[in-house]
Amino acid sequence: MTTVLIVDDQALIRQAVSDILSGHDDIDVVGHAQDGREAVKLVVELRPDVVVMDIRMPVLDGIGATAEICNDPESTNTKVLILTTFEEDEYLVAALRAGASGFIGKGAEPDEIVRAVRAVHDGDALLSPVATRALIDRFVASPAQRGPSHPAPELAHLTQREREVLLMVAQGSSNQEIAEMLFISPHTAKTHVNRIMMKVSAHDRAQLVILAYESGLLTPGS
């Protein structure tokens, strides 16, 4: 059972997402919050598996709330899924840096939202790899939004195979796809990804994508 907290300042959105998710036996919507501060409080109380988080909210926005949740040692099992209109790229990148596990558009089909929650909970694949890749490509391609790439000291701790797997993760590959490309089992691929996250202190695969771009391991268009 996946427990979910829905966070949005619009009651209509909260109810709509709740109705979509509650129609599935493996998902339990345990609470609603109308701003980031209330979300942080409810995460402490409810310890949900997934928080579906809006970005623009009063009191505390989704980026600030995501950072507080993901930096809380007691909330390591809680994943944040950003619910967005895809209109402001810089906010989404900031949310990923804060620890969000992925994002989905408010105009997504009901089945896509359900799959997104399940994917984030499973931690198996970065959500919407095509959209994520396009987003980060636009971000890193703009000198005004990023500084020059710099070597990440964490990469020095990775083996050559782990760097190869990290590059595949950053390109949006799932564990199954990594396994097929490297002729290994999906379990071995997942083990490689988990070991990489541990070595570089990444919260999840989304942060591996950010690391790969900001260190220059992956560049726009590569």
N, C-alpha and C. Protein backbone atom coordinates (compact mmCIF):
# COMPACT_ATOMS: atom_id res chain seq x y z
N MET A 1 0.83 -1.20 0.00
CA MET A 1 0.00 0.00 0.00
C MET A 1 0.87 1.26 0.00
N THR A 2 0.61 2.17 -0.91
CA THR A 2 1.33 3.44 -0.99
C THR A 2 0.49 4.53 -0.36
N THR A 3 1.01 5.16 0.68
CA THR A 3 0.28 6.25 1.33
C THR A 3 0.71 7.58 0.72
N VAL A 4 -0.28 8.47 0.51
CA VAL A 4 -0.03 9.72 -0.23
C VAL A 4 -0.59 10.92 0.51
N LEU A 5 0.19 12.01 0.53
CA LEU A 5 -0.26 13.31 1.03
C LEU A 5 -0.34 14.24 -0.17
N ILE A 6 -1.46 14.92 -0.34
CA ILE A 6 -1.65 15.83 -1.48
C ILE A 6 -1.55 17.27 -1.00
N VAL A 7 -0.70 18.05 -1.68
CA VAL A 7 -0.45 19.43 -1.26
C VAL A 7 -0.68 20.39 -2.42
N ASP A 8 -1.68 21.25 -2.28
CA ASP A 8 -1.98 22.26 -3.30
C ASP A 8 -2.85 23.33 -2.67
N ASP A 9 -2.65 24.58 -3.04
CA ASP A 9 -3.44 25.64 -2.43
C ASP A 9 -4.84 25.75 -3.04
N GLN A 10 -5.10 24.99 -4.10
CA GLN A 10 -6.42 24.99 -4.72
C GLN A 10 -7.18 23.73 -4.29
N ALA A 11 -8.30 23.95 -3.61
CA ALA A 11 -9.09 22.83 -3.10
C ALA A 11 -9.56 21.92 -4.23
N LEU A 12 -9.87 22.50 -5.38
CA LEU A 12 -10.35 21.71 -6.50
C LEU A 12 -9.29 20.73 -6.99
N ILE A 13 -8.03 21.20 -7.05
CA ILE A 13 -6.94 20.33 -7.48
C ILE A 13 -6.72 19.22 -6.46
N ARG A 14 -6.72 19.59 -5.17
CA ARG A 14 -6.53 18.58 -4.13
C ARG A 14 -7.57 17.48 -4.23
N GLN A 15 -8.83 17.88 -4.41
CA GLN A 15 -9.91 16.90 -4.47
C GLN A 15 -9.82 16.04 -5.73
N ALA A 16 -9.48 16.67 -6.85
CA ALA A 16 -9.40 15.94 -8.11
C ALA A 16 -8.31 14.87 -8.05
N VAL A 17 -7.13 15.25 -7.56
CA VAL A 17 -6.03 14.29 -7.46
C VAL A 17 -6.37 13.19 -6.45
N SER A 18 -7.00 13.58 -5.36
CA SER A 18 -7.41 12.61 -4.35
C SER A 18 -8.38 11.59 -4.93
N ASP A 19 -9.36 12.06 -5.70
CA ASP A 19 -10.34 11.17 -6.30
C ASP A 19 -9.68 10.19 -7.26
N ILE A 20 -8.72 10.70 -8.03
CA ILE A 20 -8.01 9.85 -9.00
C ILE A 20 -7.24 8.74 -8.27
N LEU A 21 -6.50 9.11 -7.24
CA LEU A 21 -5.65 8.14 -6.56
C LEU A 21 -6.45 7.18 -5.68
N SER A 22 -7.50 7.68 -5.07
CA SER A 22 -8.28 6.85 -4.15
C SER A 22 -9.04 5.73 -4.86
N GLY A 23 -9.13 5.82 -6.16
CA GLY A 23 -9.83 4.78 -6.90
C GLY A 23 -9.00 3.52 -7.13
N HIS A 24 -7.81 3.47 -6.52
CA HIS A 24 -6.92 2.32 -6.70
C HIS A 24 -6.63 1.66 -5.35
N ASP A 25 -6.76 0.35 -5.32
CA ASP A 25 -6.65 -0.39 -4.05
C ASP A 25 -5.27 -0.31 -3.41
N ASP A 26 -4.24 -0.04 -4.21
CA ASP A 26 -2.88 -0.03 -3.67
C ASP A 26 -2.43 1.37 -3.25
N ILE A 27 -3.33 2.36 -3.31
CA ILE A 27 -2.99 3.73 -2.94
C ILE A 27 -3.97 4.25 -1.89
N ASP A 28 -3.44 4.84 -0.84
CA ASP A 28 -4.27 5.38 0.24
C ASP A 28 -3.91 6.85 0.46
N VAL A 29 -4.84 7.75 0.15
CA VAL A 29 -4.62 9.18 0.39
C VAL A 29 -4.88 9.44 1.87
N VAL A 30 -3.81 9.76 2.60
CA VAL A 30 -3.91 9.88 4.06
C VAL A 30 -4.09 11.32 4.54
N GLY A 31 -3.94 12.31 3.63
CA GLY A 31 -4.10 13.68 4.08
C GLY A 31 -3.99 14.69 2.96
N HIS A 32 -4.40 15.94 3.28
CA HIS A 32 -4.33 17.06 2.34
C HIS A 32 -3.72 18.26 3.06
N ALA A 33 -2.99 19.08 2.32
CA ALA A 33 -2.43 20.32 2.87
C ALA A 33 -2.58 21.42 1.83
N GLN A 34 -2.81 22.67 2.32
CA GLN A 34 -3.02 23.77 1.39
C GLN A 34 -1.82 24.70 1.25
N ASP A 35 -0.75 24.42 1.98
CA ASP A 35 0.48 25.17 1.80
C ASP A 35 1.66 24.33 2.27
N GLY A 36 2.86 24.80 1.97
CA GLY A 36 4.05 24.02 2.29
C GLY A 36 4.29 23.82 3.77
N ARG A 37 3.97 24.81 4.58
CA ARG A 37 4.18 24.68 6.01
C ARG A 37 3.30 23.59 6.60
N GLU A 38 2.04 23.57 6.17
CA GLU A 38 1.14 22.52 6.63
C GLU A 38 1.61 21.16 6.13
N ALA A 39 2.17 21.12 4.92
CA ALA A 39 2.67 19.87 4.37
C ALA A 39 3.80 19.29 5.22
N VAL A 40 4.75 20.13 5.60
CA VAL A 40 5.88 19.68 6.42
C VAL A 40 5.36 19.12 7.75
N LYS A 41 4.40 19.78 8.33
CA LYS A 41 3.82 19.35 9.60
C LYS A 41 3.14 17.98 9.45
N LEU A 42 2.38 17.82 8.37
CA LEU A 42 1.66 16.57 8.17
C LEU A 42 2.60 15.41 7.81
N VAL A 43 3.69 15.71 7.13
CA VAL A 43 4.67 14.65 6.84
C VAL A 43 5.23 14.08 8.14
N VAL A 44 5.50 14.94 9.10
CA VAL A 44 6.00 14.50 10.40
C VAL A 44 4.96 13.63 11.11
N GLU A 45 3.71 14.02 10.99
CA GLU A 45 2.64 13.30 11.68
C GLU A 45 2.26 11.99 10.97
N LEU A 46 2.20 12.03 9.64
CA LEU A 46 1.63 10.92 8.89
C LEU A 46 2.67 10.01 8.25
N ARG A 47 3.86 10.50 8.01
CA ARG A 47 4.93 9.75 7.35
C ARG A 47 4.44 9.08 6.06
N PRO A 48 3.91 9.85 5.12
CA PRO A 48 3.42 9.25 3.87
C PRO A 48 4.58 8.75 3.02
N ASP A 49 4.29 7.81 2.13
CA ASP A 49 5.31 7.32 1.21
C ASP A 49 5.60 8.34 0.13
N VAL A 50 4.56 9.04 -0.33
CA VAL A 50 4.70 10.01 -1.42
C VAL A 50 3.93 11.29 -1.08
N VAL A 51 4.56 12.43 -1.36
CA VAL A 51 3.89 13.73 -1.25
C VAL A 51 3.72 14.26 -2.65
N VAL A 52 2.48 14.50 -3.08
CA VAL A 52 2.22 15.14 -4.37
C VAL A 52 2.17 16.63 -4.10
N MET A 53 3.17 17.36 -4.56
CA MET A 53 3.43 18.74 -4.11
C MET A 53 3.31 19.78 -5.22
N ASP A 54 2.49 20.78 -4.99
CA ASP A 54 2.43 21.94 -5.88
C ASP A 54 3.65 22.82 -5.61
N ILE A 55 4.02 23.69 -6.54
CA ILE A 55 5.17 24.57 -6.33
C ILE A 55 4.75 25.92 -5.76
N ARG A 56 3.85 26.59 -6.41
CA ARG A 56 3.47 27.94 -5.99
C ARG A 56 2.35 27.88 -4.96
N MET A 57 2.69 28.18 -3.72
CA MET A 57 1.73 28.16 -2.62
C MET A 57 2.08 29.25 -1.61
N PRO A 58 1.12 29.71 -0.83
CA PRO A 58 1.40 30.72 0.20
C PRO A 58 2.12 30.11 1.40
N VAL A 59 2.59 30.95 2.29
CA VAL A 59 3.24 30.59 3.56
C VAL A 59 4.61 29.97 3.30
N LEU A 60 4.64 28.81 2.65
CA LEU A 60 5.90 28.16 2.27
C LEU A 60 5.65 27.46 0.94
N ASP A 61 6.46 27.78 -0.07
CA ASP A 61 6.20 27.19 -1.39
C ASP A 61 6.68 25.74 -1.45
N GLY A 62 6.40 25.11 -2.59
CA GLY A 62 6.72 23.70 -2.73
C GLY A 62 8.20 23.39 -2.70
N ILE A 63 9.03 24.33 -3.16
CA ILE A 63 10.48 24.11 -3.14
C ILE A 63 11.00 24.09 -1.70
N GLY A 64 10.56 25.09 -0.92
CA GLY A 64 10.98 25.14 0.48
C GLY A 64 10.48 23.94 1.27
N ALA A 65 9.25 23.55 1.02
CA ALA A 65 8.68 22.40 1.72
C ALA A 65 9.40 21.11 1.33
N THR A 66 9.71 20.98 0.04
CA THR A 66 10.44 19.79 -0.43
C THR A 66 11.80 19.70 0.24
N ALA A 67 12.51 20.82 0.33
CA ALA A 67 13.83 20.83 0.96
C ALA A 67 13.74 20.41 2.43
N GLU A 68 12.74 20.93 3.14
CA GLU A 68 12.61 20.57 4.56
C GLU A 68 12.29 19.09 4.73
N ILE A 69 11.41 18.58 3.88
CA ILE A 69 11.03 17.17 3.98
C ILE A 69 12.21 16.26 3.65
N CYS A 70 12.90 16.57 2.55
CA CYS A 70 13.98 15.70 2.10
C CYS A 70 15.23 15.81 2.96
N ASN A 71 15.37 16.89 3.70
CA ASN A 71 16.53 17.04 4.59
C ASN A 71 16.27 16.55 6.00
N ASP A 72 15.05 16.10 6.26
CA ASP A 72 14.70 15.57 7.58
C ASP A 72 15.10 14.10 7.65
N PRO A 73 16.04 13.74 8.51
CA PRO A 73 16.48 12.34 8.61
C PRO A 73 15.34 11.38 8.93
N GLU A 74 14.29 11.88 9.55
CA GLU A 74 13.15 11.03 9.90
C GLU A 74 12.22 10.80 8.71
N SER A 75 12.45 11.51 7.62
CA SER A 75 11.54 11.41 6.47
C SER A 75 12.23 10.81 5.25
N THR A 76 13.25 10.01 5.47
CA THR A 76 14.02 9.47 4.35
C THR A 76 13.20 8.56 3.44
N ASN A 77 12.12 7.99 3.96
CA ASN A 77 11.30 7.10 3.15
C ASN A 77 10.18 7.83 2.41
N THR A 78 10.08 9.14 2.62
CA THR A 78 9.05 9.93 1.95
C THR A 78 9.61 10.54 0.67
N LYS A 79 8.94 10.30 -0.46
CA LYS A 79 9.35 10.84 -1.75
C LYS A 79 8.42 11.99 -2.13
N VAL A 80 8.96 12.97 -2.83
CA VAL A 80 8.16 14.12 -3.27
C VAL A 80 7.99 14.10 -4.78
N LEU A 81 6.75 14.16 -5.22
CA LEU A 81 6.39 14.24 -6.63
C LEU A 81 5.82 15.63 -6.88
N ILE A 82 6.48 16.43 -7.72
CA ILE A 82 6.04 17.79 -7.98
C ILE A 82 4.91 17.79 -9.01
N LEU A 83 3.83 18.48 -8.68
CA LEU A 83 2.69 18.64 -9.58
C LEU A 83 2.78 20.06 -10.13
N THR A 84 2.91 20.19 -11.45
CA THR A 84 3.24 21.49 -12.02
C THR A 84 2.52 21.74 -13.34
N THR A 85 2.57 22.99 -13.77
CA THR A 85 2.04 23.34 -15.09
C THR A 85 3.15 23.37 -16.13
N PHE A 86 4.40 23.08 -15.74
CA PHE A 86 5.56 23.07 -16.64
C PHE A 86 5.85 24.45 -17.22
N GLU A 87 5.38 25.51 -16.58
CA GLU A 87 5.55 26.84 -17.15
C GLU A 87 6.86 27.51 -16.75
N GLU A 88 7.42 27.11 -15.61
CA GLU A 88 8.60 27.82 -15.12
C GLU A 88 9.71 26.81 -14.79
N ASP A 89 10.58 26.60 -15.77
CA ASP A 89 11.61 25.58 -15.67
C ASP A 89 12.50 25.73 -14.44
N GLU A 90 12.88 26.99 -14.12
CA GLU A 90 13.83 27.19 -13.03
C GLU A 90 13.28 26.69 -11.70
N TYR A 91 11.97 26.76 -11.52
CA TYR A 91 11.37 26.26 -10.29
C TYR A 91 11.48 24.74 -10.21
N LEU A 92 11.32 24.09 -11.34
CA LEU A 92 11.38 22.63 -11.35
C LEU A 92 12.79 22.14 -11.06
N VAL A 93 13.78 22.77 -11.65
CA VAL A 93 15.16 22.38 -11.37
C VAL A 93 15.48 22.61 -9.91
N ALA A 94 15.01 23.73 -9.35
CA ALA A 94 15.22 24.01 -7.93
C ALA A 94 14.57 22.93 -7.07
N ALA A 95 13.40 22.47 -7.50
CA ALA A 95 12.70 21.42 -6.74
C ALA A 95 13.47 20.11 -6.79
N LEU A 96 14.04 19.78 -7.96
CA LEU A 96 14.85 18.57 -8.07
C LEU A 96 16.09 18.68 -7.18
N ARG A 97 16.69 19.85 -7.18
CA ARG A 97 17.86 20.05 -6.32
C ARG A 97 17.49 19.94 -4.85
N ALA A 98 16.28 20.35 -4.52
CA ALA A 98 15.83 20.29 -3.13
C ALA A 98 15.55 18.86 -2.69
N GLY A 99 15.45 17.94 -3.66
CA GLY A 99 15.25 16.54 -3.31
C GLY A 99 14.03 15.88 -3.92
N ALA A 100 13.27 16.62 -4.74
CA ALA A 100 12.09 16.02 -5.36
C ALA A 100 12.50 14.84 -6.25
N SER A 101 11.66 13.83 -6.28
CA SER A 101 11.98 12.62 -7.04
C SER A 101 11.51 12.68 -8.49
N GLY A 102 10.70 13.67 -8.82
CA GLY A 102 10.21 13.77 -10.19
C GLY A 102 9.08 14.78 -10.26
N PHE A 103 8.47 14.87 -11.43
CA PHE A 103 7.39 15.83 -11.57
C PHE A 103 6.41 15.35 -12.63
N ILE A 104 5.20 15.87 -12.56
CA ILE A 104 4.17 15.54 -13.53
C ILE A 104 3.28 16.77 -13.73
N GLY A 105 2.77 16.94 -14.93
CA GLY A 105 1.96 18.10 -15.24
C GLY A 105 0.55 17.98 -14.71
N LYS A 106 -0.04 19.12 -14.38
CA LYS A 106 -1.42 19.12 -13.88
C LYS A 106 -2.41 18.69 -14.95
N GLY A 107 -1.99 18.75 -16.20
CA GLY A 107 -2.87 18.33 -17.27
C GLY A 107 -2.72 16.86 -17.65
N ALA A 108 -1.96 16.11 -16.85
CA ALA A 108 -1.73 14.69 -17.16
C ALA A 108 -3.02 13.89 -17.04
N GLU A 109 -3.08 12.80 -17.77
CA GLU A 109 -4.23 11.90 -17.69
C GLU A 109 -4.23 11.20 -16.33
N PRO A 110 -5.40 10.80 -15.84
CA PRO A 110 -5.48 10.13 -14.53
C PRO A 110 -4.53 8.94 -14.40
N ASP A 111 -4.45 8.11 -15.43
CA ASP A 111 -3.57 6.94 -15.36
C ASP A 111 -2.11 7.35 -15.24
N GLU A 112 -1.73 8.47 -15.86
CA GLU A 112 -0.35 8.95 -15.77
C GLU A 112 -0.02 9.38 -14.34
N ILE A 113 -0.97 10.01 -13.68
CA ILE A 113 -0.74 10.44 -12.29
C ILE A 113 -0.58 9.23 -11.39
N VAL A 114 -1.40 8.22 -11.60
CA VAL A 114 -1.30 6.99 -10.80
C VAL A 114 0.06 6.33 -11.03
N ARG A 115 0.46 6.22 -12.29
CA ARG A 115 1.76 5.60 -12.60
C ARG A 115 2.90 6.41 -12.01
N ALA A 116 2.75 7.74 -12.01
CA ALA A 116 3.79 8.61 -11.46
C ALA A 116 3.98 8.36 -9.97
N VAL A 117 2.89 8.27 -9.23
CA VAL A 117 2.97 8.02 -7.80
C VAL A 117 3.61 6.66 -7.53
N ARG A 118 3.22 5.66 -8.29
CA ARG A 118 3.81 4.33 -8.12
C ARG A 118 5.29 4.32 -8.44
N ALA A 119 5.67 5.01 -9.54
CA ALA A 119 7.07 5.05 -9.94
C ALA A 119 7.93 5.72 -8.89
N VAL A 120 7.46 6.86 -8.36
CA VAL A 120 8.22 7.58 -7.35
C VAL A 120 8.36 6.73 -6.09
N HIS A 121 7.28 6.07 -5.70
CA HIS A 121 7.33 5.20 -4.52
C HIS A 121 8.32 4.06 -4.71
N ASP A 122 8.31 3.44 -5.90
CA ASP A 122 9.20 2.32 -6.17
C ASP A 122 10.65 2.76 -6.29
N GLY A 123 10.87 4.01 -6.70
CA GLY A 123 12.23 4.50 -6.86
C GLY A 123 12.98 3.81 -7.97
N ASP A 124 12.24 3.21 -8.92
CA ASP A 124 12.89 2.39 -9.94
C ASP A 124 13.36 3.21 -11.14
N ALA A 125 12.59 4.22 -11.53
CA ALA A 125 12.96 4.98 -12.72
C ALA A 125 12.61 6.44 -12.53
N LEU A 126 13.45 7.31 -13.07
CA LEU A 126 13.18 8.73 -12.99
C LEU A 126 11.91 9.03 -13.77
N LEU A 127 11.00 9.72 -13.16
CA LEU A 127 9.70 9.99 -13.76
C LEU A 127 9.82 10.83 -15.02
N SER A 128 9.07 10.47 -16.05
CA SER A 128 9.01 11.21 -17.32
C SER A 128 10.40 11.57 -17.83
N PRO A 129 11.22 10.58 -18.17
CA PRO A 129 12.60 10.88 -18.57
C PRO A 129 12.71 11.84 -19.75
N VAL A 130 11.79 11.75 -20.73
CA VAL A 130 11.87 12.65 -21.89
C VAL A 130 11.64 14.09 -21.46
N ALA A 131 10.58 14.31 -20.66
CA ALA A 131 10.29 15.67 -20.19
C ALA A 131 11.40 16.18 -19.28
N THR A 132 11.91 15.30 -18.43
CA THR A 132 12.97 15.72 -17.51
C THR A 132 14.23 16.09 -18.28
N ARG A 133 14.57 15.28 -19.26
CA ARG A 133 15.76 15.56 -20.07
C ARG A 133 15.61 16.90 -20.78
N ALA A 134 14.45 17.15 -21.37
CA ALA A 134 14.23 18.41 -22.08
C ALA A 134 14.33 19.59 -21.13
N LEU A 135 13.76 19.43 -19.94
CA LEU A 135 13.80 20.49 -18.94
C LEU A 135 15.22 20.84 -18.55
N ILE A 136 16.01 19.84 -18.21
CA ILE A 136 17.36 20.09 -17.73
C ILE A 136 18.26 20.54 -18.88
N ASP A 137 18.00 20.05 -20.09
CA ASP A 137 18.75 20.53 -21.25
C ASP A 137 18.58 22.04 -21.40
N ARG A 138 17.34 22.52 -21.26
CA ARG A 138 17.08 23.95 -21.38
C ARG A 138 17.77 24.71 -20.26
N PHE A 139 17.75 24.13 -19.07
CA PHE A 139 18.34 24.81 -17.93
C PHE A 139 19.85 24.92 -18.06
N VAL A 140 20.51 23.79 -18.33
CA VAL A 140 21.97 23.82 -18.37
C VAL A 140 22.49 24.53 -19.60
N ALA A 141 21.65 24.69 -20.62
CA ALA A 141 22.10 25.38 -21.83
C ALA A 141 22.11 26.89 -21.65
N SER A 142 21.54 27.39 -20.54
CA SER A 142 21.46 28.82 -20.32
C SER A 142 22.53 29.27 -19.32
N PRO A 143 23.56 29.98 -19.75
CA PRO A 143 24.60 30.45 -18.84
C PRO A 143 24.04 31.32 -17.73
N ALA A 144 22.91 31.99 -17.98
CA ALA A 144 22.34 32.87 -16.96
C ALA A 144 21.75 32.08 -15.80
N GLN A 145 21.42 30.82 -16.06
CA GLN A 145 20.78 30.02 -15.03
C GLN A 145 21.75 29.07 -14.34
N ARG A 146 22.90 28.86 -14.92
CA ARG A 146 23.84 27.94 -14.30
C ARG A 146 25.24 28.52 -14.35
N GLY A 147 26.07 28.09 -13.48
CA GLY A 147 27.47 28.45 -13.54
C GLY A 147 28.18 27.44 -14.42
N PRO A 148 29.49 27.59 -14.60
CA PRO A 148 30.22 26.62 -15.41
C PRO A 148 30.23 25.27 -14.72
N SER A 149 30.27 24.20 -15.52
CA SER A 149 30.31 22.86 -14.90
C SER A 149 31.61 22.71 -14.13
N HIS A 150 31.57 21.93 -13.10
CA HIS A 150 32.76 21.75 -12.28
C HIS A 150 32.84 20.29 -11.87
N PRO A 151 34.05 19.75 -11.77
CA PRO A 151 34.20 18.35 -11.39
C PRO A 151 33.58 18.11 -10.02
N ALA A 152 32.81 17.06 -9.91
CA ALA A 152 32.22 16.71 -8.62
C ALA A 152 33.14 15.71 -7.92
N PRO A 153 33.62 16.04 -6.72
CA PRO A 153 34.53 15.11 -6.03
C PRO A 153 33.91 13.75 -5.80
N GLU A 154 32.56 13.69 -5.74
CA GLU A 154 31.89 12.41 -5.51
C GLU A 154 32.16 11.42 -6.64
N LEU A 155 32.37 11.94 -7.86
CA LEU A 155 32.58 11.06 -9.00
C LEU A 155 33.87 10.26 -8.88
N ALA A 156 34.82 10.78 -8.12
CA ALA A 156 36.10 10.10 -7.96
C ALA A 156 35.94 8.76 -7.24
N HIS A 157 34.85 8.61 -6.52
CA HIS A 157 34.61 7.38 -5.77
C HIS A 157 33.92 6.30 -6.61
N LEU A 158 33.56 6.64 -7.84
CA LEU A 158 32.83 5.70 -8.68
C LEU A 158 33.77 4.89 -9.57
N THR A 159 33.44 3.64 -9.77
CA THR A 159 34.18 2.82 -10.72
C THR A 159 33.78 3.22 -12.14
N GLN A 160 34.50 2.72 -13.12
CA GLN A 160 34.19 3.03 -14.50
C GLN A 160 32.79 2.53 -14.86
N ARG A 161 32.42 1.34 -14.39
CA ARG A 161 31.09 0.81 -14.66
C ARG A 161 30.02 1.68 -14.01
N GLU A 162 30.29 2.15 -12.79
CA GLU A 162 29.32 3.00 -12.11
C GLU A 162 29.14 4.34 -12.82
N ARG A 163 30.22 4.88 -13.37
CA ARG A 163 30.10 6.12 -14.16
C ARG A 163 29.25 5.87 -15.40
N GLU A 164 29.43 4.69 -16.00
CA GLU A 164 28.65 4.33 -17.17
C GLU A 164 27.17 4.24 -16.83
N VAL A 165 26.87 3.62 -15.69
CA VAL A 165 25.48 3.49 -15.25
C VAL A 165 24.90 4.86 -14.91
N LEU A 166 25.69 5.70 -14.24
CA LEU A 166 25.24 7.06 -13.91
C LEU A 166 24.87 7.82 -15.17
N LEU A 167 25.67 7.70 -16.21
CA LEU A 167 25.39 8.38 -17.47
C LEU A 167 24.06 7.89 -18.06
N MET A 168 23.81 6.60 -17.97
CA MET A 168 22.55 6.03 -18.49
C MET A 168 21.36 6.53 -17.69
N VAL A 169 21.52 6.61 -16.37
CA VAL A 169 20.45 7.14 -15.53
C VAL A 169 20.15 8.58 -15.93
N ALA A 170 21.19 9.37 -16.13
CA ALA A 170 21.02 10.78 -16.49
C ALA A 170 20.35 10.94 -17.86
N GLN A 171 20.49 9.94 -18.70
CA GLN A 171 19.86 9.99 -20.02
C GLN A 171 18.42 9.47 -19.99
N GLY A 172 17.96 9.12 -18.78
CA GLY A 172 16.57 8.72 -18.61
C GLY A 172 16.29 7.24 -18.71
N SER A 173 17.33 6.40 -18.64
CA SER A 173 17.14 4.96 -18.76
C SER A 173 16.64 4.35 -17.46
N SER A 174 15.72 3.41 -17.59
CA SER A 174 15.23 2.67 -16.42
C SER A 174 16.21 1.55 -16.10
N ASN A 175 16.02 0.89 -14.97
CA ASN A 175 16.88 -0.23 -14.61
C ASN A 175 16.80 -1.34 -15.66
N GLN A 176 15.59 -1.58 -16.17
CA GLN A 176 15.42 -2.62 -17.19
C GLN A 176 16.22 -2.26 -18.45
N GLU A 177 16.16 -1.00 -18.85
CA GLU A 177 16.88 -0.57 -20.05
C GLU A 177 18.39 -0.64 -19.84
N ILE A 178 18.85 -0.25 -18.65
CA ILE A 178 20.28 -0.34 -18.33
C ILE A 178 20.73 -1.79 -18.39
N ALA A 179 19.92 -2.68 -17.84
CA ALA A 179 20.25 -4.11 -17.85
C ALA A 179 20.39 -4.63 -19.28
N GLU A 180 19.49 -4.23 -20.15
CA GLU A 180 19.53 -4.70 -21.54
C GLU A 180 20.74 -4.16 -22.28
N MET A 181 21.09 -2.89 -22.03
CA MET A 181 22.23 -2.28 -22.72
C MET A 181 23.56 -2.85 -22.25
N LEU A 182 23.64 -3.24 -20.97
CA LEU A 182 24.89 -3.73 -20.41
C LEU A 182 24.95 -5.26 -20.32
N PHE A 183 23.87 -5.91 -20.76
CA PHE A 183 23.79 -7.37 -20.72
C PHE A 183 23.96 -7.91 -19.30
N ILE A 184 23.25 -7.28 -18.38
CA ILE A 184 23.24 -7.72 -16.98
C ILE A 184 21.78 -7.87 -16.55
N SER A 185 21.57 -8.40 -15.36
CA SER A 185 20.20 -8.58 -14.87
C SER A 185 19.65 -7.25 -14.34
N PRO A 186 18.33 -7.07 -14.35
CA PRO A 186 17.73 -5.86 -13.76
C PRO A 186 18.13 -5.69 -12.29
N HIS A 187 18.25 -6.80 -11.58
CA HIS A 187 18.66 -6.72 -10.17
C HIS A 187 20.06 -6.15 -10.04
N THR A 188 20.97 -6.59 -10.91
CA THR A 188 22.34 -6.06 -10.88
C THR A 188 22.35 -4.58 -11.24
N ALA A 189 21.52 -4.20 -12.21
CA ALA A 189 21.44 -2.79 -12.59
C ALA A 189 20.96 -1.95 -11.41
N LYS A 190 19.93 -2.44 -10.72
CA LYS A 190 19.41 -1.71 -9.57
C LYS A 190 20.46 -1.62 -8.47
N THR A 191 21.23 -2.69 -8.29
CA THR A 191 22.31 -2.68 -7.29
C THR A 191 23.34 -1.61 -7.62
N HIS A 192 23.70 -1.51 -8.90
CA HIS A 192 24.66 -0.48 -9.32
C HIS A 192 24.10 0.91 -9.00
N VAL A 193 22.84 1.16 -9.34
CA VAL A 193 22.23 2.47 -9.11
C VAL A 193 22.20 2.79 -7.62
N ASN A 194 21.80 1.83 -6.81
CA ASN A 194 21.74 2.06 -5.36
C ASN A 194 23.13 2.34 -4.78
N ARG A 195 24.13 1.64 -5.29
CA ARG A 195 25.50 1.86 -4.80
C ARG A 195 25.99 3.25 -5.19
N ILE A 196 25.66 3.68 -6.40
CA ILE A 196 26.04 5.02 -6.85
C ILE A 196 25.39 6.08 -5.96
N MET A 197 24.09 5.93 -5.69
CA MET A 197 23.39 6.90 -4.84
C MET A 197 24.03 6.98 -3.46
N MET A 198 24.43 5.83 -2.93
CA MET A 198 25.07 5.80 -1.62
C MET A 198 26.42 6.52 -1.66
N LYS A 199 27.20 6.28 -2.70
CA LYS A 199 28.54 6.86 -2.79
C LYS A 199 28.51 8.38 -2.96
N VAL A 200 27.51 8.89 -3.68
CA VAL A 200 27.46 10.33 -3.94
C VAL A 200 26.45 11.04 -3.04
N SER A 201 25.88 10.29 -2.08
CA SER A 201 24.90 10.84 -1.12
C SER A 201 23.70 11.45 -1.84
N ALA A 202 23.20 10.76 -2.84
CA ALA A 202 22.03 11.22 -3.57
C ALA A 202 20.77 10.67 -2.95
N HIS A 203 19.74 11.50 -2.88
CA HIS A 203 18.46 11.09 -2.30
C HIS A 203 17.74 10.11 -3.22
N ASP A 204 17.87 10.31 -4.53
CA ASP A 204 17.22 9.44 -5.50
C ASP A 204 17.80 9.69 -6.88
N ARG A 205 17.20 9.09 -7.89
CA ARG A 205 17.72 9.18 -9.24
C ARG A 205 17.67 10.59 -9.81
N ALA A 206 16.69 11.37 -9.39
CA ALA A 206 16.61 12.74 -9.89
C ALA A 206 17.87 13.52 -9.54
N GLN A 207 18.39 13.32 -8.35
CA GLN A 207 19.61 14.02 -7.96
C GLN A 207 20.83 13.50 -8.72
N LEU A 208 20.77 12.24 -9.16
CA LEU A 208 21.86 11.72 -10.00
C LEU A 208 21.87 12.45 -11.34
N VAL A 209 20.70 12.78 -11.87
CA VAL A 209 20.61 13.51 -13.13
C VAL A 209 21.26 14.89 -12.98
N ILE A 210 20.89 15.59 -11.90
CA ILE A 210 21.45 16.92 -11.64
C ILE A 210 22.97 16.83 -11.51
N LEU A 211 23.46 15.82 -10.77
CA LEU A 211 24.90 15.65 -10.58
C LEU A 211 25.60 15.43 -11.91
N ALA A 212 25.03 14.59 -12.76
CA ALA A 212 25.67 14.29 -14.04
C ALA A 212 25.79 15.53 -14.91
N TYR A 213 24.75 16.37 -14.92
CA TYR A 213 24.80 17.60 -15.72
C TYR A 213 25.75 18.63 -15.11
N GLU A 214 25.62 18.86 -13.82
CA GLU A 214 26.41 19.93 -13.21
C GLU A 214 27.90 19.60 -13.14
N SER A 215 28.25 18.32 -13.16
CA SER A 215 29.67 17.93 -13.13
C SER A 215 30.25 17.90 -14.52
N GLY A 216 29.39 18.01 -15.55
CA GLY A 216 29.87 17.96 -16.92
C GLY A 216 29.98 16.55 -17.47
N LEU A 217 29.57 15.53 -16.67
CA LEU A 217 29.59 14.17 -17.16
C LEU A 217 28.66 14.01 -18.35
N LEU A 218 27.53 14.72 -18.31
CA LEU A 218 26.59 14.73 -19.43
C LEU A 218 26.35 16.18 -19.82
N THR A 219 26.38 16.46 -21.11
CA THR A 219 26.17 17.82 -21.59
C THR A 219 24.95 17.88 -22.48
N PRO A 220 24.33 19.04 -22.63
CA PRO A 220 23.14 19.15 -23.48
C PRO A 220 23.38 18.60 -24.88
N GLY A 221 22.44 17.76 -25.31
CA GLY A 221 22.53 17.19 -26.65
C GLY A 221 23.36 15.93 -26.72
N SER A 222 24.02 15.53 -25.62
CA SER A 222 24.85 14.32 -25.66
C SER A 222 24.04 13.10 -25.37
